[in-house]
Amino acid sequence: QVQLVESGGGLVQAGGSLRLSCAASGIIGSINIMGWYRQAPGKERELVARIMSSSLTNYANSVKGRFAISRDSAKNTVYLQMNSLRSEDTAVYYCNVRKNIFDSGSWGQGTQVSVSS
């Protein structure tokens, strides 16, 4: 079992920045992929960014150039630096860790990000 604790969400004005953190604990030896997803009201959950154990990263087109994902393997923590936030970034953001892309992995409880225009 993997436990995930997220922090860093909140309310920010458009153009502002937020940094999300997600700390993993428990049976974490098999984690290869750490990522962030988001779900806006009435929409499906979507991938925002993920980072592999090799440090390879993937981003949704909508956040490229504005968001940056990073991980601290020593702390088993993944971060999402969000800059130039837009109203359309408003959503609940979920941390996810998994063994591979075929594994559903474990999910955090979600943290609300609200961007006012």
Protein backbone atom coordinates (compact mmCIF):
# COMPACT_ATOMS: atom_id res chain seq x y z
CA GLN A 1 0.00 0.00 0.00
CA VAL A 2 1.14 3.48 -0.87
CA GLN A 3 -0.09 6.56 0.93
CA LEU A 4 0.01 9.94 -0.75
CA VAL A 5 -0.30 13.30 0.97
CA GLU A 6 -0.82 16.33 -1.23
CA SER A 7 -0.44 19.97 -0.37
CA GLY A 8 -0.12 23.38 -1.99
CA GLY A 9 -3.49 24.03 -3.59
CA GLY A 10 -5.42 27.23 -3.12
CA LEU A 11 -6.90 30.31 -4.73
CA VAL A 12 -4.77 32.48 -6.96
CA GLN A 13 -5.34 35.23 -9.49
CA ALA A 14 -4.79 34.61 -13.17
CA GLY A 15 -1.13 34.94 -14.01
CA GLY A 16 -0.08 33.80 -10.57
CA SER A 17 1.79 30.72 -9.44
CA LEU A 18 1.29 27.76 -7.14
CA ARG A 19 3.43 24.79 -6.20
CA LEU A 20 1.88 21.43 -5.42
CA SER A 21 3.65 18.76 -3.43
CA CYS A 22 2.89 15.07 -3.02
CA ALA A 23 4.75 12.91 -0.52
CA ALA A 24 4.59 9.13 -0.87
CA SER A 25 5.00 6.65 1.96
CA GLY A 26 4.45 2.95 2.51
CA ILE A 27 5.49 0.31 -0.03
CA ILE A 28 7.15 2.64 -2.52
CA GLY A 29 9.99 0.54 -3.88
CA SER A 30 8.18 -0.25 -7.13
CA ILE A 31 7.18 3.29 -8.03
CA ASN A 32 8.55 4.30 -11.41
CA ILE A 33 6.11 6.97 -12.49
CA MET A 34 4.89 9.93 -10.45
CA GLY A 35 2.40 12.33 -11.88
CA TRP A 36 -0.36 14.85 -11.54
CA TYR A 37 -3.85 14.67 -12.96
CA ARG A 38 -6.70 17.13 -12.71
CA GLN A 39 -10.45 17.06 -12.93
CA ALA A 40 -12.56 20.12 -13.56
CA PRO A 41 -16.31 20.16 -12.84
CA GLY A 42 -18.19 18.25 -15.49
CA LYS A 43 -15.02 17.02 -17.16
CA GLU A 44 -13.04 13.80 -17.13
CA ARG A 45 -9.83 13.44 -15.20
CA GLU A 46 -6.86 14.26 -17.40
CA LEU A 47 -3.11 13.89 -17.20
CA VAL A 48 -1.30 17.13 -16.44
CA ALA A 49 2.28 15.94 -16.15
CA ARG A 50 4.27 12.87 -15.19
CA ILE A 51 7.87 12.07 -14.50
CA MET A 52 9.55 8.70 -14.86
CA SER A 53 12.29 7.26 -12.67
CA SER A 54 14.62 8.09 -15.58
CA SER A 55 13.55 11.76 -15.19
CA LEU A 56 11.79 11.69 -18.54
CA THR A 57 8.75 13.98 -18.39
CA ASN A 58 5.45 14.27 -20.25
CA TYR A 59 3.11 17.26 -20.20
CA ALA A 60 -0.37 17.98 -21.44
CA ASN A 61 -0.20 20.41 -24.36
CA SER A 62 -2.29 22.90 -22.42
CA VAL A 63 0.36 23.29 -19.70
CA LYS A 64 3.60 23.03 -21.67
CA GLY A 65 5.85 25.97 -20.97
CA ARG A 66 3.87 26.97 -17.88
CA PHE A 67 4.07 23.95 -15.56
CA ALA A 68 7.11 22.01 -14.44
CA ILE A 69 7.13 18.63 -12.71
CA SER A 70 10.03 17.44 -10.61
CA ARG A 71 10.76 14.77 -8.04
CA ASP A 72 12.96 14.35 -5.02
CA SER A 73 13.64 10.64 -4.87
CA ALA A 74 15.28 10.89 -1.45
CA LYS A 75 12.06 12.35 -0.05
CA ASN A 76 9.74 10.28 -2.27
CA THR A 77 8.06 13.53 -3.22
CA VAL A 78 6.84 14.91 -6.52
CA TYR A 79 6.25 18.58 -7.17
CA LEU A 80 4.25 20.55 -9.71
CA GLN A 81 5.29 24.16 -10.21
CA MET A 82 2.45 25.99 -11.91
CA ASN A 83 3.14 29.40 -13.41
CA SER A 84 1.06 31.78 -15.52
CA LEU A 85 -2.09 30.17 -14.21
CA ARG A 86 -5.30 30.58 -16.17
CA SER A 87 -8.93 30.26 -15.19
CA GLU A 88 -9.09 27.04 -17.21
CA ASP A 89 -6.52 25.51 -14.87
CA THR A 90 -9.14 25.51 -12.13
CA ALA A 91 -9.66 21.90 -11.03
CA VAL A 92 -9.00 19.36 -8.34
CA TYR A 93 -5.45 18.14 -8.79
CA TYR A 94 -4.60 14.54 -7.93
CA CYS A 95 -1.24 12.98 -7.36
CA ASN A 96 -0.70 9.52 -8.83
CA VAL A 97 2.13 7.03 -8.52
CA ARG A 98 2.43 3.77 -10.38
CA LYS A 99 4.77 1.01 -11.49
CA ASN A 100 4.21 1.55 -15.22
CA ILE A 101 1.77 3.17 -17.62
CA PHE A 102 -0.46 0.10 -17.56
CA ASP A 103 -0.87 0.13 -13.81
CA SER A 104 -3.58 2.32 -12.29
CA GLY A 105 -1.40 2.94 -9.26
CA SER A 106 -2.35 4.88 -6.14
CA TRP A 107 -4.14 8.22 -5.91
CA GLY A 108 -3.97 11.11 -3.51
CA GLN A 109 -7.03 12.71 -1.99
CA GLY A 110 -6.89 15.69 -4.33
CA THR A 111 -6.18 19.35 -3.75
CA GLN A 112 -8.28 22.21 -5.11
CA VAL A 113 -6.68 24.80 -7.37
CA SER A 114 -8.85 27.79 -8.18
CA VAL A 115 -7.74 30.55 -10.52
CA SER A 116 -9.74 33.76 -10.59
CA SER A 117 -9.81 35.87 -13.72
